[in-house]
Amino acid sequence: MLNYIIKRFLGMIPVLFGVSIVSFAVISLAPGRFSSLDQAMNPKVSAQYQMRLNRAFNLDKPVHVRYFLWLKDLARLDLGRSFVDNRPVAAKILERVPVTVGINALSLLVVFLVAIPVGIRAATKEGGAFDTATAVFSFVMLSVPAFWLALLLMQLFCIHLGWLPISGLHSLDFDYFPPVRRFLDVAWHLILPVFVSSVAGLAVISRYMRSSILEALQQPYIYTALAKGLPQRTVLYKHALRNALLPIVTLAGLSIPGLLGGSVIFESIFALPGLGQLFFQAVMARDIPLIMAEVVLGALLTVAGNLIADISYACVDPRIRYK
């Protein structure tokens, strides 16, 4: 297992290298530059100022030269400085990490705590009212765009009913609250974002769980266990469930990249100061160092998620061994 993990870690290097090349080329060839945006916002900016700005950010150099300069800094674990405020990119990312990781961790917790029991219940009541209701819910939630659902829920619960805050992470007078009320205030603000970010996962995981359980219940070892007189509950949760979790483990590993990608939508809509909102602002400002840092972070989360899923197979299914 250790040799397999080391080999996979070494295999990450060319993947990340290839992703960085393609991403840097696409970002650099896209129309518009940071200096041109500065000039567009202020018509009085002279051409000489724009030239000095390009020289300061190495924007006057060819694409391949700028890439190798960026790669050289990355080798020293230096992500560069933001074009917008000249702050270190690493510092800007680190201050946004707790919000994004916290929201997505809560979403994943809600997804797996709810979707797995729902999927098992739907499988054991195949064709019943509960199975039909969960199927309808899943298909509807998979068909509805996340941003549209977020806007509808904001219109209903925040504007018409006034039950929930419309945006932000906490109230304006948050600093004057006692500790318990601070916790409740943050939780109050996170109800809608966590629900919007987890609803698609609930639909997908519950259907996968239902299909996996139904498939596992058709295996010969299940009939053998029932023939020996084992209780149905023991057969379901001790024998069928463990093998049915293999597809769920895969989905859990692949959901890790969503910590960054899926956050762009709901963090922008709910005005949450996380990595998703930061990435959106960087793209709008053509902030190349910040964009590249978040793209590489997303690629790293993707390969790490695949590795975690593969390793988790051995924990769920003892028949799997990596050589």
C-alpha atoms as a PDB file:
ATOM      1  CA  MET A   1       0.000   0.000   0.000  1.00  0.00           C
ATOM      2  CA  LEU A   2       2.834   2.411   0.850  1.00  0.00           C
ATOM      3  CA  ASN A   3       4.511   1.828  -2.510  1.00  0.00           C
ATOM      4  CA  TYR A   4       1.201   2.458  -4.255  1.00  0.00           C
ATOM      5  CA  ILE A   5       0.705   5.751  -2.395  1.00  0.00           C
ATOM      6  CA  ILE A   6       4.236   6.908  -3.226  1.00  0.00           C
ATOM      7  CA  LYS A   7       3.752   6.005  -6.881  1.00  0.00           C
ATOM      8  CA  ARG A   8       0.487   7.933  -6.999  1.00  0.00           C
ATOM      9  CA  PHE A   9       2.098  10.971  -5.403  1.00  0.00           C
ATOM     10  CA  LEU A  10       4.839  10.913  -8.028  1.00  0.00           C
ATOM     11  CA  GLY A  11       2.184  10.575 -10.708  1.00  0.00           C
ATOM     12  CA  MET A  12       0.575  13.809  -9.498  1.00  0.00           C
ATOM     13  CA  ILE A  13       3.576  15.866 -10.596  1.00  0.00           C
ATOM     14  CA  PRO A  14       3.164  15.554 -14.402  1.00  0.00           C
ATOM     15  CA  VAL A  15      -0.614  15.975 -14.053  1.00  0.00           C
ATOM     16  CA  LEU A  16      -0.260  19.234 -12.135  1.00  0.00           C
ATOM     17  CA  PHE A  17       2.465  20.360 -14.519  1.00  0.00           C
ATOM     18  CA  GLY A  18       0.213  19.775 -17.530  1.00  0.00           C
ATOM     19  CA  VAL A  19      -2.736  21.530 -15.883  1.00  0.00           C
ATOM     20  CA  SER A  20      -0.577  24.555 -15.086  1.00  0.00           C
ATOM     21  CA  ILE A  21       0.661  24.827 -18.695  1.00  0.00           C
ATOM     22  CA  VAL A  22      -2.818  24.662 -20.207  1.00  0.00           C
ATOM     23  CA  SER A  23      -4.320  27.006 -17.607  1.00  0.00           C
ATOM     24  CA  PHE A  24      -1.590  29.622 -17.948  1.00  0.00           C
ATOM     25  CA  ALA A  25      -1.852  29.552 -21.741  1.00  0.00           C
ATOM     26  CA  VAL A  26      -5.648  29.927 -21.703  1.00  0.00           C
ATOM     27  CA  ILE A  27      -5.560  32.757 -19.146  1.00  0.00           C
ATOM     28  CA  SER A  28      -2.788  34.599 -20.985  1.00  0.00           C
ATOM     29  CA  LEU A  29      -4.437  34.275 -24.407  1.00  0.00           C
ATOM     30  CA  ALA A  30      -7.841  35.416 -23.145  1.00  0.00           C
ATOM     31  CA  PRO A  31      -8.805  38.940 -24.258  1.00  0.00           C
ATOM     32  CA  GLY A  32      -8.099  41.752 -21.842  1.00  0.00           C
ATOM     33  CA  ARG A  33      -5.297  42.431 -19.376  1.00  0.00           C
ATOM     34  CA  PHE A  34      -5.134  43.847 -15.905  1.00  0.00           C
ATOM     35  CA  SER A  35      -3.477  47.045 -17.155  1.00  0.00           C
ATOM     36  CA  SER A  36      -6.116  47.537 -19.854  1.00  0.00           C
ATOM     37  CA  LEU A  37      -8.861  47.221 -17.222  1.00  0.00           C
ATOM     38  CA  ASP A  38      -7.141  49.898 -15.160  1.00  0.00           C
ATOM     39  CA  GLN A  39      -7.085  52.176 -18.187  1.00  0.00           C
ATOM     40  CA  ALA A  40     -10.736  51.450 -18.992  1.00  0.00           C
ATOM     41  CA  MET A  41     -11.800  52.426 -15.462  1.00  0.00           C
ATOM     42  CA  ASN A  42      -9.826  55.689 -15.702  1.00  0.00           C
ATOM     43  CA  PRO A  43      -9.659  57.294 -19.170  1.00  0.00           C
ATOM     44  CA  LYS A  44      -6.988  59.730 -17.957  1.00  0.00           C
ATOM     45  CA  VAL A  45      -4.417  56.939 -17.561  1.00  0.00           C
ATOM     46  CA  SER A  46      -1.590  57.581 -20.009  1.00  0.00           C
ATOM     47  CA  ALA A  47       0.045  55.058 -22.313  1.00  0.00           C
ATOM     48  CA  GLN A  48       3.335  55.506 -20.441  1.00  0.00           C
ATOM     49  CA  TYR A  49       1.659  54.508 -17.183  1.00  0.00           C
ATOM     50  CA  GLN A  50       0.196  51.428 -18.834  1.00  0.00           C
ATOM     51  CA  MET A  51       3.634  50.467 -20.164  1.00  0.00           C
ATOM     52  CA  ARG A  52       5.144  50.835 -16.681  1.00  0.00           C
ATOM     53  CA  LEU A  53       2.327  48.715 -15.272  1.00  0.00           C
ATOM     54  CA  ASN A  54       2.938  45.987 -17.855  1.00  0.00           C
ATOM     55  CA  ARG A  55       6.658  46.032 -17.086  1.00  0.00           C
ATOM     56  CA  ALA A  56       6.058  45.837 -13.328  1.00  0.00           C
ATOM     57  CA  PHE A  57       3.865  42.740 -13.716  1.00  0.00           C
ATOM     58  CA  ASN A  58       5.991  41.180 -16.513  1.00  0.00           C
ATOM     59  CA  LEU A  59       3.026  41.514 -18.864  1.00  0.00           C
ATOM     60  CA  ASP A  60       5.323  42.842 -21.593  1.00  0.00           C
ATOM     61  CA  LYS A  61       7.161  39.502 -21.802  1.00  0.00           C
ATOM     62  CA  PRO A  62       6.138  36.516 -23.983  1.00  0.00           C
ATOM     63  CA  VAL A  63       3.775  33.916 -22.558  1.00  0.00           C
ATOM     64  CA  HIS A  64       6.406  31.178 -22.169  1.00  0.00           C
ATOM     65  CA  VAL A  65       8.787  33.546 -20.332  1.00  0.00           C
ATOM     66  CA  ARG A  66       6.055  34.588 -17.899  1.00  0.00           C
ATOM     67  CA  TYR A  67       5.123  30.957 -17.336  1.00  0.00           C
ATOM     68  CA  PHE A  68       8.664  29.931 -16.426  1.00  0.00           C
ATOM     69  CA  LEU A  69       8.982  32.942 -14.115  1.00  0.00           C
ATOM     70  CA  TRP A  70       5.752  31.853 -12.406  1.00  0.00           C
ATOM     71  CA  LEU A  71       6.937  28.230 -12.265  1.00  0.00           C
ATOM     72  CA  LYS A  72      10.248  29.338 -10.753  1.00  0.00           C
ATOM     73  CA  ASP A  73       8.400  31.166  -7.973  1.00  0.00           C
ATOM     74  CA  LEU A  74       6.106  28.179  -7.453  1.00  0.00           C
ATOM     75  CA  ALA A  75       9.129  25.897  -6.992  1.00  0.00           C
ATOM     76  CA  ARG A  76      10.087  28.142  -4.053  1.00  0.00           C
ATOM     77  CA  LEU A  77       6.480  27.847  -2.735  1.00  0.00           C
ATOM     78  CA  ASP A  78       5.910  31.475  -3.679  1.00  0.00           C
ATOM     79  CA  LEU A  79       2.520  32.013  -5.339  1.00  0.00           C
ATOM     80  CA  GLY A  80       3.381  35.588  -6.238  1.00  0.00           C
ATOM     81  CA  ARG A  81       1.585  38.827  -5.485  1.00  0.00           C
ATOM     82  CA  SER A  82      -1.870  39.904  -6.498  1.00  0.00           C
ATOM     83  CA  PHE A  83      -2.137  42.475  -9.266  1.00  0.00           C
ATOM     84  CA  VAL A  84      -5.027  44.177  -7.472  1.00  0.00           C
ATOM     85  CA  ASP A  85      -3.512  45.100  -4.099  1.00  0.00           C
ATOM     86  CA  ASN A  86       0.059  43.687  -4.294  1.00  0.00           C
ATOM     87  CA  ARG A  87      -0.636  41.380  -1.352  1.00  0.00           C
ATOM     88  CA  PRO A  88       0.844  37.864  -1.296  1.00  0.00           C
ATOM     89  CA  VAL A  89      -1.499  35.455  -3.051  1.00  0.00           C
ATOM     90  CA  ALA A  90      -0.919  32.805  -0.379  1.00  0.00           C
ATOM     91  CA  ALA A  91      -2.100  35.188   2.341  1.00  0.00           C
ATOM     92  CA  LYS A  92      -5.264  36.083   0.413  1.00  0.00           C
ATOM     93  CA  ILE A  93      -6.085  32.415  -0.105  1.00  0.00           C
ATOM     94  CA  LEU A  94      -5.374  31.362   3.472  1.00  0.00           C
ATOM     95  CA  GLU A  95      -7.673  33.985   4.935  1.00  0.00           C
ATOM     96  CA  ARG A  96     -10.541  32.687   2.770  1.00  0.00           C
ATOM     97  CA  VAL A  97      -9.941  28.963   3.356  1.00  0.00           C
ATOM     98  CA  PRO A  98     -11.841  28.623   6.679  1.00  0.00           C
ATOM     99  CA  VAL A  99     -15.099  29.914   5.180  1.00  0.00           C
ATOM    100  CA  THR A 100     -15.043  27.675   2.095  1.00  0.00           C
ATOM    101  CA  VAL A 101     -13.834  24.557   3.896  1.00  0.00           C
ATOM    102  CA  GLY A 102     -16.301  25.082   6.743  1.00  0.00           C
ATOM    103  CA  ILE A 103     -19.327  25.506   4.486  1.00  0.00           C
ATOM    104  CA  ASN A 104     -18.411  22.585   2.228  1.00  0.00           C
ATOM    105  CA  ALA A 105     -17.574  20.338   5.178  1.00  0.00           C
ATOM    106  CA  LEU A 106     -21.010  21.058   6.642  1.00  0.00           C
ATOM    107  CA  SER A 107     -22.575  20.362   3.239  1.00  0.00           C
ATOM    108  CA  LEU A 108     -20.790  17.018   2.875  1.00  0.00           C
ATOM    109  CA  LEU A 109     -21.762  16.081   6.429  1.00  0.00           C
ATOM    110  CA  VAL A 110     -25.407  16.859   5.702  1.00  0.00           C
ATOM    111  CA  VAL A 111     -25.258  14.970   2.393  1.00  0.00           C
ATOM    112  CA  PHE A 112     -23.870  11.732   3.799  1.00  0.00           C
ATOM    113  CA  LEU A 113     -25.823  11.782   7.054  1.00  0.00           C
ATOM    114  CA  VAL A 114     -29.098  12.224   5.171  1.00  0.00           C
ATOM    115  CA  ALA A 115     -28.556  10.639   1.742  1.00  0.00           C
ATOM    116  CA  ILE A 116     -27.238   7.242   2.896  1.00  0.00           C
ATOM    117  CA  PRO A 117     -30.189   6.463   5.247  1.00  0.00           C
ATOM    118  CA  VAL A 118     -32.623   7.803   2.643  1.00  0.00           C
ATOM    119  CA  GLY A 119     -31.087   5.598  -0.055  1.00  0.00           C
ATOM    120  CA  ILE A 120     -31.223   2.533   2.173  1.00  0.00           C
ATOM    121  CA  ARG A 121     -34.839   3.246   3.108  1.00  0.00           C
ATOM    122  CA  ALA A 122     -35.791   3.750  -0.546  1.00  0.00           C
ATOM    123  CA  ALA A 123     -34.146   0.435  -1.498  1.00  0.00           C
ATOM    124  CA  THR A 124     -35.886  -1.533   1.225  1.00  0.00           C
ATOM    125  CA  LYS A 125     -39.236   0.061   0.242  1.00  0.00           C
ATOM    126  CA  GLU A 126     -38.723  -0.316  -3.503  1.00  0.00           C
ATOM    127  CA  GLY A 127     -41.737   0.879  -5.457  1.00  0.00           C
ATOM    128  CA  GLY A 128     -43.433   2.335  -2.390  1.00  0.00           C
ATOM    129  CA  ALA A 129     -44.511   5.895  -1.630  1.00  0.00           C
ATOM    130  CA  PHE A 130     -41.203   6.807   0.033  1.00  0.00           C
ATOM    131  CA  ASP A 131     -39.194   5.473  -2.919  1.00  0.00           C
ATOM    132  CA  THR A 132     -41.354   7.415  -5.366  1.00  0.00           C
ATOM    133  CA  ALA A 133     -41.122  10.631  -3.351  1.00  0.00           C
ATOM    134  CA  THR A 134     -37.334  10.476  -3.093  1.00  0.00           C
ATOM    135  CA  ALA A 135     -37.074   9.718  -6.828  1.00  0.00           C
ATOM    136  CA  VAL A 136     -39.172  12.779  -7.692  1.00  0.00           C
ATOM    137  CA  PHE A 137     -37.169  14.949  -5.288  1.00  0.00           C
ATOM    138  CA  SER A 138     -33.872  13.749  -6.756  1.00  0.00           C
ATOM    139  CA  PHE A 139     -34.876  14.318 -10.369  1.00  0.00           C
ATOM    140  CA  VAL A 140     -36.250  17.776  -9.621  1.00  0.00           C
ATOM    141  CA  MET A 141     -33.185  18.874  -7.666  1.00  0.00           C
ATOM    142  CA  LEU A 142     -30.839  17.590 -10.379  1.00  0.00           C
ATOM    143  CA  SER A 143     -32.809  19.528 -12.988  1.00  0.00           C
ATOM    144  CA  VAL A 144     -32.863  22.847 -11.148  1.00  0.00           C
ATOM    145  CA  PRO A 145     -29.753  25.068 -11.559  1.00  0.00           C
ATOM    146  CA  ALA A 146     -28.139  25.875  -8.234  1.00  0.00           C
ATOM    147  CA  PHE A 147     -28.048  29.637  -8.798  1.00  0.00           C
ATOM    148  CA  TRP A 148     -31.750  29.707  -9.751  1.00  0.00           C
ATOM    149  CA  LEU A 149     -32.704  27.672  -6.677  1.00  0.00           C
ATOM    150  CA  ALA A 150     -30.656  30.019  -4.500  1.00  0.00           C
ATOM    151  CA  LEU A 151     -32.419  33.073  -5.913  1.00  0.00           C
ATOM    152  CA  LEU A 152     -35.847  31.481  -5.399  1.00  0.00           C
ATOM    153  CA  LEU A 153     -35.077  30.573  -1.787  1.00  0.00           C
ATOM    154  CA  MET A 154     -33.700  34.054  -1.126  1.00  0.00           C
ATOM    155  CA  GLN A 155     -36.873  35.579  -2.565  1.00  0.00           C
ATOM    156  CA  LEU A 156     -39.082  33.354  -0.397  1.00  0.00           C
ATOM    157  CA  PHE A 157     -37.312  33.050   2.952  1.00  0.00           C
ATOM    158  CA  CYS A 158     -35.327  36.306   3.016  1.00  0.00           C
ATOM    159  CA  ILE A 159     -37.503  38.884   1.261  1.00  0.00           C
ATOM    160  CA  HIS A 160     -41.116  37.720   1.570  1.00  0.00           C
ATOM    161  CA  LEU A 161     -41.020  35.833   4.881  1.00  0.00           C
ATOM    162  CA  GLY A 162     -37.982  37.519   6.450  1.00  0.00           C
ATOM    163  CA  TRP A 163     -36.970  34.365   8.278  1.00  0.00           C
ATOM    164  CA  LEU A 164     -33.341  34.233   7.105  1.00  0.00           C
ATOM    165  CA  PRO A 165     -30.639  36.802   6.255  1.00  0.00           C
ATOM    166  CA  ILE A 166     -30.190  37.460   2.565  1.00  0.00           C
ATOM    167  CA  SER A 167     -26.378  37.540   2.436  1.00  0.00           C
ATOM    168  CA  GLY A 168     -23.149  37.705   4.396  1.00  0.00           C
ATOM    169  CA  LEU A 169     -21.580  35.496   7.027  1.00  0.00           C
ATOM    170  CA  HIS A 170     -22.758  37.349  10.139  1.00  0.00           C
ATOM    171  CA  SER A 171     -24.739  40.374  11.284  1.00  0.00           C
ATOM    172  CA  LEU A 172     -23.376  43.924  11.343  1.00  0.00           C
ATOM    173  CA  ASP A 173     -23.232  44.039  15.156  1.00  0.00           C
ATOM    174  CA  PHE A 174     -21.601  40.588  15.336  1.00  0.00           C
ATOM    175  CA  ASP A 175     -18.611  41.877  17.343  1.00  0.00           C
ATOM    176  CA  TYR A 176     -20.858  42.896  20.231  1.00  0.00           C
ATOM    177  CA  PHE A 177     -22.544  39.500  20.590  1.00  0.00           C
ATOM    178  CA  PRO A 178     -21.676  37.008  23.363  1.00  0.00           C
ATOM    179  CA  PRO A 179     -19.984  33.767  22.188  1.00  0.00           C
ATOM    180  CA  VAL A 180     -23.153  31.662  22.108  1.00  0.00           C
ATOM    181  CA  ARG A 181     -25.068  34.255  20.112  1.00  0.00           C
ATOM    182  CA  ARG A 182     -22.150  34.589  17.688  1.00  0.00           C
ATOM    183  CA  PHE A 183     -22.331  30.879  16.973  1.00  0.00           C
ATOM    184  CA  LEU A 184     -26.093  31.033  16.468  1.00  0.00           C
ATOM    185  CA  ASP A 185     -25.770  34.096  14.260  1.00  0.00           C
ATOM    186  CA  VAL A 186     -23.261  32.396  11.939  1.00  0.00           C
ATOM    187  CA  ALA A 187     -25.383  29.235  11.860  1.00  0.00           C
ATOM    188  CA  TRP A 188     -28.425  31.358  11.008  1.00  0.00           C
ATOM    189  CA  HIS A 189     -26.582  32.919   8.056  1.00  0.00           C
ATOM    190  CA  LEU A 190     -25.330  29.536   6.804  1.00  0.00           C
ATOM    191  CA  ILE A 191     -28.692  27.738   6.577  1.00  0.00           C
ATOM    192  CA  LEU A 192     -29.425  28.728   2.985  1.00  0.00           C
ATOM    193  CA  PRO A 193     -25.845  28.418   1.614  1.00  0.00           C
ATOM    194  CA  VAL A 194     -25.389  24.962   3.133  1.00  0.00           C
ATOM    195  CA  PHE A 195     -28.755  23.778   1.822  1.00  0.00           C
ATOM    196  CA  VAL A 196     -28.090  25.087  -1.707  1.00  0.00           C
ATOM    197  CA  SER A 197     -24.608  23.557  -1.816  1.00  0.00           C
ATOM    198  CA  SER A 198     -25.805  20.175  -0.526  1.00  0.00           C
ATOM    199  CA  VAL A 199     -29.115  19.661  -2.338  1.00  0.00           C
ATOM    200  CA  ALA A 200     -27.566  18.276  -5.543  1.00  0.00           C
ATOM    201  CA  GLY A 201     -25.333  15.950  -3.530  1.00  0.00           C
ATOM    202  CA  LEU A 202     -28.354  14.697  -1.589  1.00  0.00           C
ATOM    203  CA  ALA A 203     -30.105  13.799  -4.836  1.00  0.00           C
ATOM    204  CA  VAL A 204     -27.082  12.023  -6.371  1.00  0.00           C
ATOM    205  CA  ILE A 205     -25.867  10.120  -3.299  1.00  0.00           C
ATOM    206  CA  SER A 206     -29.336   8.906  -2.313  1.00  0.00           C
ATOM    207  CA  ARG A 207     -29.990   7.447  -5.786  1.00  0.00           C
ATOM    208  CA  TYR A 208     -26.559   5.815  -5.932  1.00  0.00           C
ATOM    209  CA  MET A 209     -27.086   4.383  -2.471  1.00  0.00           C
ATOM    210  CA  ARG A 210     -30.459   2.974  -3.460  1.00  0.00           C
ATOM    211  CA  SER A 211     -29.075   1.341  -6.614  1.00  0.00           C
ATOM    212  CA  SER A 212     -26.060  -0.092  -4.777  1.00  0.00           C
ATOM    213  CA  ILE A 213     -28.212  -1.597  -2.020  1.00  0.00           C
ATOM    214  CA  LEU A 214     -30.605  -3.147  -4.543  1.00  0.00           C
ATOM    215  CA  GLU A 215     -27.687  -4.648  -6.446  1.00  0.00           C
ATOM    216  CA  ALA A 216     -26.053  -5.981  -3.291  1.00  0.00           C
ATOM    217  CA  LEU A 217     -29.296  -7.576  -2.112  1.00  0.00           C
ATOM    218  CA  GLN A 218     -29.393  -9.668  -5.302  1.00  0.00           C
ATOM    219  CA  GLN A 219     -26.008 -11.290  -4.641  1.00  0.00           C
ATOM    220  CA  PRO A 220     -25.798 -15.025  -3.731  1.00  0.00           C
ATOM    221  CA  TYR A 221     -24.128 -14.400  -0.364  1.00  0.00           C
ATOM    222  CA  ILE A 222     -27.190 -12.420   0.723  1.00  0.00           C
ATOM    223  CA  TYR A 223     -29.474 -15.368  -0.038  1.00  0.00           C
ATOM    224  CA  THR A 224     -27.047 -17.640   1.814  1.00  0.00           C
ATOM    225  CA  ALA A 225     -27.094 -15.388   4.867  1.00  0.00           C
ATOM    226  CA  LEU A 226     -30.893 -15.279   4.844  1.00  0.00           C
ATOM    227  CA  ALA A 227     -31.070 -19.058   4.411  1.00  0.00           C
ATOM    228  CA  LYS A 228     -28.912 -19.488   7.509  1.00  0.00           C
ATOM    229  CA  GLY A 229     -31.520 -17.607   9.501  1.00  0.00           C
ATOM    230  CA  LEU A 230     -29.742 -14.273  10.019  1.00  0.00           C
ATOM    231  CA  PRO A 231     -32.058 -11.357  10.770  1.00  0.00           C
ATOM    232  CA  GLN A 232     -32.818  -9.117   7.793  1.00  0.00           C
ATOM    233  CA  ARG A 233     -31.437  -6.092   9.628  1.00  0.00           C
ATOM    234  CA  THR A 234     -28.113  -7.854  10.186  1.00  0.00           C
ATOM    235  CA  VAL A 235     -27.956  -8.978   6.551  1.00  0.00           C
ATOM    236  CA  LEU A 236     -28.727  -5.460   5.339  1.00  0.00           C
ATOM    237  CA  TYR A 237     -26.369  -3.422   7.513  1.00  0.00           C
ATOM    238  CA  LYS A 238     -23.555  -5.915   8.059  1.00  0.00           C
ATOM    239  CA  HIS A 239     -23.341  -7.712   4.716  1.00  0.00           C
ATOM    240  CA  ALA A 240     -25.045  -5.663   2.004  1.00  0.00           C
ATOM    241  CA  LEU A 241     -24.207  -2.136   3.154  1.00  0.00           C
ATOM    242  CA  ARG A 242     -20.432  -2.571   3.207  1.00  0.00           C
ATOM    243  CA  ASN A 243     -20.268  -3.686  -0.417  1.00  0.00           C
ATOM    244  CA  ALA A 244     -22.836  -1.082  -1.438  1.00  0.00           C
ATOM    245  CA  LEU A 245     -20.599   1.696  -0.099  1.00  0.00           C
ATOM    246  CA  LEU A 246     -17.960   1.277  -2.848  1.00  0.00           C
ATOM    247  CA  PRO A 247     -19.657   3.658  -5.341  1.00  0.00           C
ATOM    248  CA  ILE A 248     -20.325   6.088  -2.509  1.00  0.00           C
ATOM    249  CA  VAL A 249     -16.620   6.108  -1.622  1.00  0.00           C
ATOM    250  CA  THR A 250     -15.843   7.044  -5.217  1.00  0.00           C
ATOM    251  CA  LEU A 251     -18.337   9.894  -5.136  1.00  0.00           C
ATOM    252  CA  ALA A 252     -16.970  11.076  -1.789  1.00  0.00           C
ATOM    253  CA  GLY A 253     -13.465  11.300  -3.241  1.00  0.00           C
ATOM    254  CA  LEU A 254     -14.663  13.091  -6.361  1.00  0.00           C
ATOM    255  CA  SER A 255     -16.640  15.584  -4.270  1.00  0.00           C
ATOM    256  CA  ILE A 256     -13.440  17.004  -2.762  1.00  0.00           C
ATOM    257  CA  PRO A 257     -12.690  19.220  -5.814  1.00  0.00           C
ATOM    258  CA  GLY A 258     -16.143  20.691  -5.323  1.00  0.00           C
ATOM    259  CA  LEU A 259     -14.764  22.451  -2.232  1.00  0.00           C
ATOM    260  CA  LEU A 260     -13.467  25.046  -4.702  1.00  0.00           C
ATOM    261  CA  GLY A 261     -15.450  24.703  -7.908  1.00  0.00           C
ATOM    262  CA  GLY A 262     -18.955  24.606  -6.476  1.00  0.00           C
ATOM    263  CA  SER A 263     -18.222  27.456  -4.088  1.00  0.00           C
ATOM    264  CA  VAL A 264     -17.997  30.013  -6.889  1.00  0.00           C
ATOM    265  CA  ILE A 265     -21.774  29.989  -7.405  1.00  0.00           C
ATOM    266  CA  PHE A 266     -23.227  30.138  -3.926  1.00  0.00           C
ATOM    267  CA  GLU A 267     -20.467  32.272  -2.409  1.00  0.00           C
ATOM    268  CA  SER A 268     -20.988  34.894  -5.104  1.00  0.00           C
ATOM    269  CA  ILE A 269     -24.780  34.825  -4.693  1.00  0.00           C
ATOM    270  CA  PHE A 270     -24.761  34.914  -0.880  1.00  0.00           C
ATOM    271  CA  ALA A 271     -21.753  37.311  -0.678  1.00  0.00           C
ATOM    272  CA  LEU A 272     -19.679  34.917   1.421  1.00  0.00           C
ATOM    273  CA  PRO A 273     -15.970  35.771   1.750  1.00  0.00           C
ATOM    274  CA  GLY A 274     -14.592  32.411   0.596  1.00  0.00           C
ATOM    275  CA  LEU A 275     -12.333  31.001  -2.095  1.00  0.00           C
ATOM    276  CA  GLY A 276     -15.134  30.842  -4.659  1.00  0.00           C
ATOM    277  CA  GLN A 277     -15.877  34.541  -4.401  1.00  0.00           C
ATOM    278  CA  LEU A 278     -12.152  35.297  -4.455  1.00  0.00           C
ATOM    279  CA  PHE A 279     -11.724  33.260  -7.645  1.00  0.00           C
ATOM    280  CA  PHE A 280     -14.627  35.084  -9.318  1.00  0.00           C
ATOM    281  CA  GLN A 281     -13.162  38.462  -8.400  1.00  0.00           C
ATOM    282  CA  ALA A 282      -9.730  37.393  -9.667  1.00  0.00           C
ATOM    283  CA  VAL A 283     -11.170  36.366 -13.049  1.00  0.00           C
ATOM    284  CA  MET A 284     -13.048  39.651 -13.396  1.00  0.00           C
ATOM    285  CA  ALA A 285      -9.872  41.608 -12.567  1.00  0.00           C
ATOM    286  CA  ARG A 286      -7.556  39.447 -14.768  1.00  0.00           C
ATOM    287  CA  ASP A 287      -5.461  38.795 -11.663  1.00  0.00           C
ATOM    288  CA  ILE A 288      -3.266  36.061 -13.214  1.00  0.00           C
ATOM    289  CA  PRO A 289      -1.217  35.053 -10.109  1.00  0.00           C
ATOM    290  CA  LEU A 290      -4.379  34.605  -8.037  1.00  0.00           C
ATOM    291  CA  ILE A 291      -6.201  32.739 -10.817  1.00  0.00           C
ATOM    292  CA  MET A 292      -3.267  30.359 -11.329  1.00  0.00           C
ATOM    293  CA  ALA A 293      -2.985  29.689  -7.604  1.00  0.00           C
ATOM    294  CA  GLU A 294      -6.647  28.706  -7.353  1.00  0.00           C
ATOM    295  CA  VAL A 295      -6.523  26.613 -10.547  1.00  0.00           C
ATOM    296  CA  VAL A 296      -3.534  24.663  -9.245  1.00  0.00           C
ATOM    297  CA  LEU A 297      -5.291  24.265  -5.894  1.00  0.00           C
ATOM    298  CA  GLY A 298      -8.348  22.864  -7.681  1.00  0.00           C
ATOM    299  CA  ALA A 299      -6.199  20.419  -9.675  1.00  0.00           C
ATOM    300  CA  LEU A 300      -4.426  19.347  -6.479  1.00  0.00           C
ATOM    301  CA  LEU A 301      -7.767  18.708  -4.778  1.00  0.00           C
ATOM    302  CA  THR A 302      -8.901  16.640  -7.779  1.00  0.00           C
ATOM    303  CA  VAL A 303      -5.923  14.272  -7.798  1.00  0.00           C
ATOM    304  CA  ALA A 304      -5.944  14.117  -4.001  1.00  0.00           C
ATOM    305  CA  GLY A 305      -9.633  13.188  -4.057  1.00  0.00           C
ATOM    306  CA  ASN A 306      -8.975  10.346  -6.496  1.00  0.00           C
ATOM    307  CA  LEU A 307      -6.151   9.063  -4.316  1.00  0.00           C
ATOM    308  CA  ILE A 308      -8.271   9.203  -1.171  1.00  0.00           C
ATOM    309  CA  ALA A 309     -11.054   7.303  -2.946  1.00  0.00           C
ATOM    310  CA  ASP A 310      -8.653   4.572  -4.088  1.00  0.00           C
ATOM    311  CA  ILE A 311      -7.168   4.173  -0.619  1.00  0.00           C
ATOM    312  CA  SER A 312     -10.628   4.095   0.928  1.00  0.00           C
ATOM    313  CA  TYR A 313     -11.513   1.088  -1.246  1.00  0.00           C
ATOM    314  CA  ALA A 314      -9.129  -1.063   0.763  1.00  0.00           C
ATOM    315  CA  CYS A 315     -10.774   0.046   3.994  1.00  0.00           C
ATOM    316  CA  VAL A 316     -14.297  -0.712   2.768  1.00  0.00           C
ATOM    317  CA  ASP A 317     -13.556  -3.888   0.807  1.00  0.00           C
ATOM    318  CA  PRO A 318     -10.783  -6.112   2.271  1.00  0.00           C
ATOM    319  CA  ARG A 319     -10.602  -8.061  -1.010  1.00  0.00           C
ATOM    320  CA  ILE A 320      -8.926  -5.124  -2.686  1.00  0.00           C
ATOM    321  CA  ARG A 321      -5.150  -5.046  -2.386  1.00  0.00           C
ATOM    322  CA  TYR A 322      -2.755  -2.733  -4.174  1.00  0.00           C
ATOM    323  CA  LYS A 323       0.612  -4.125  -5.196  1.00  0.00           C
END
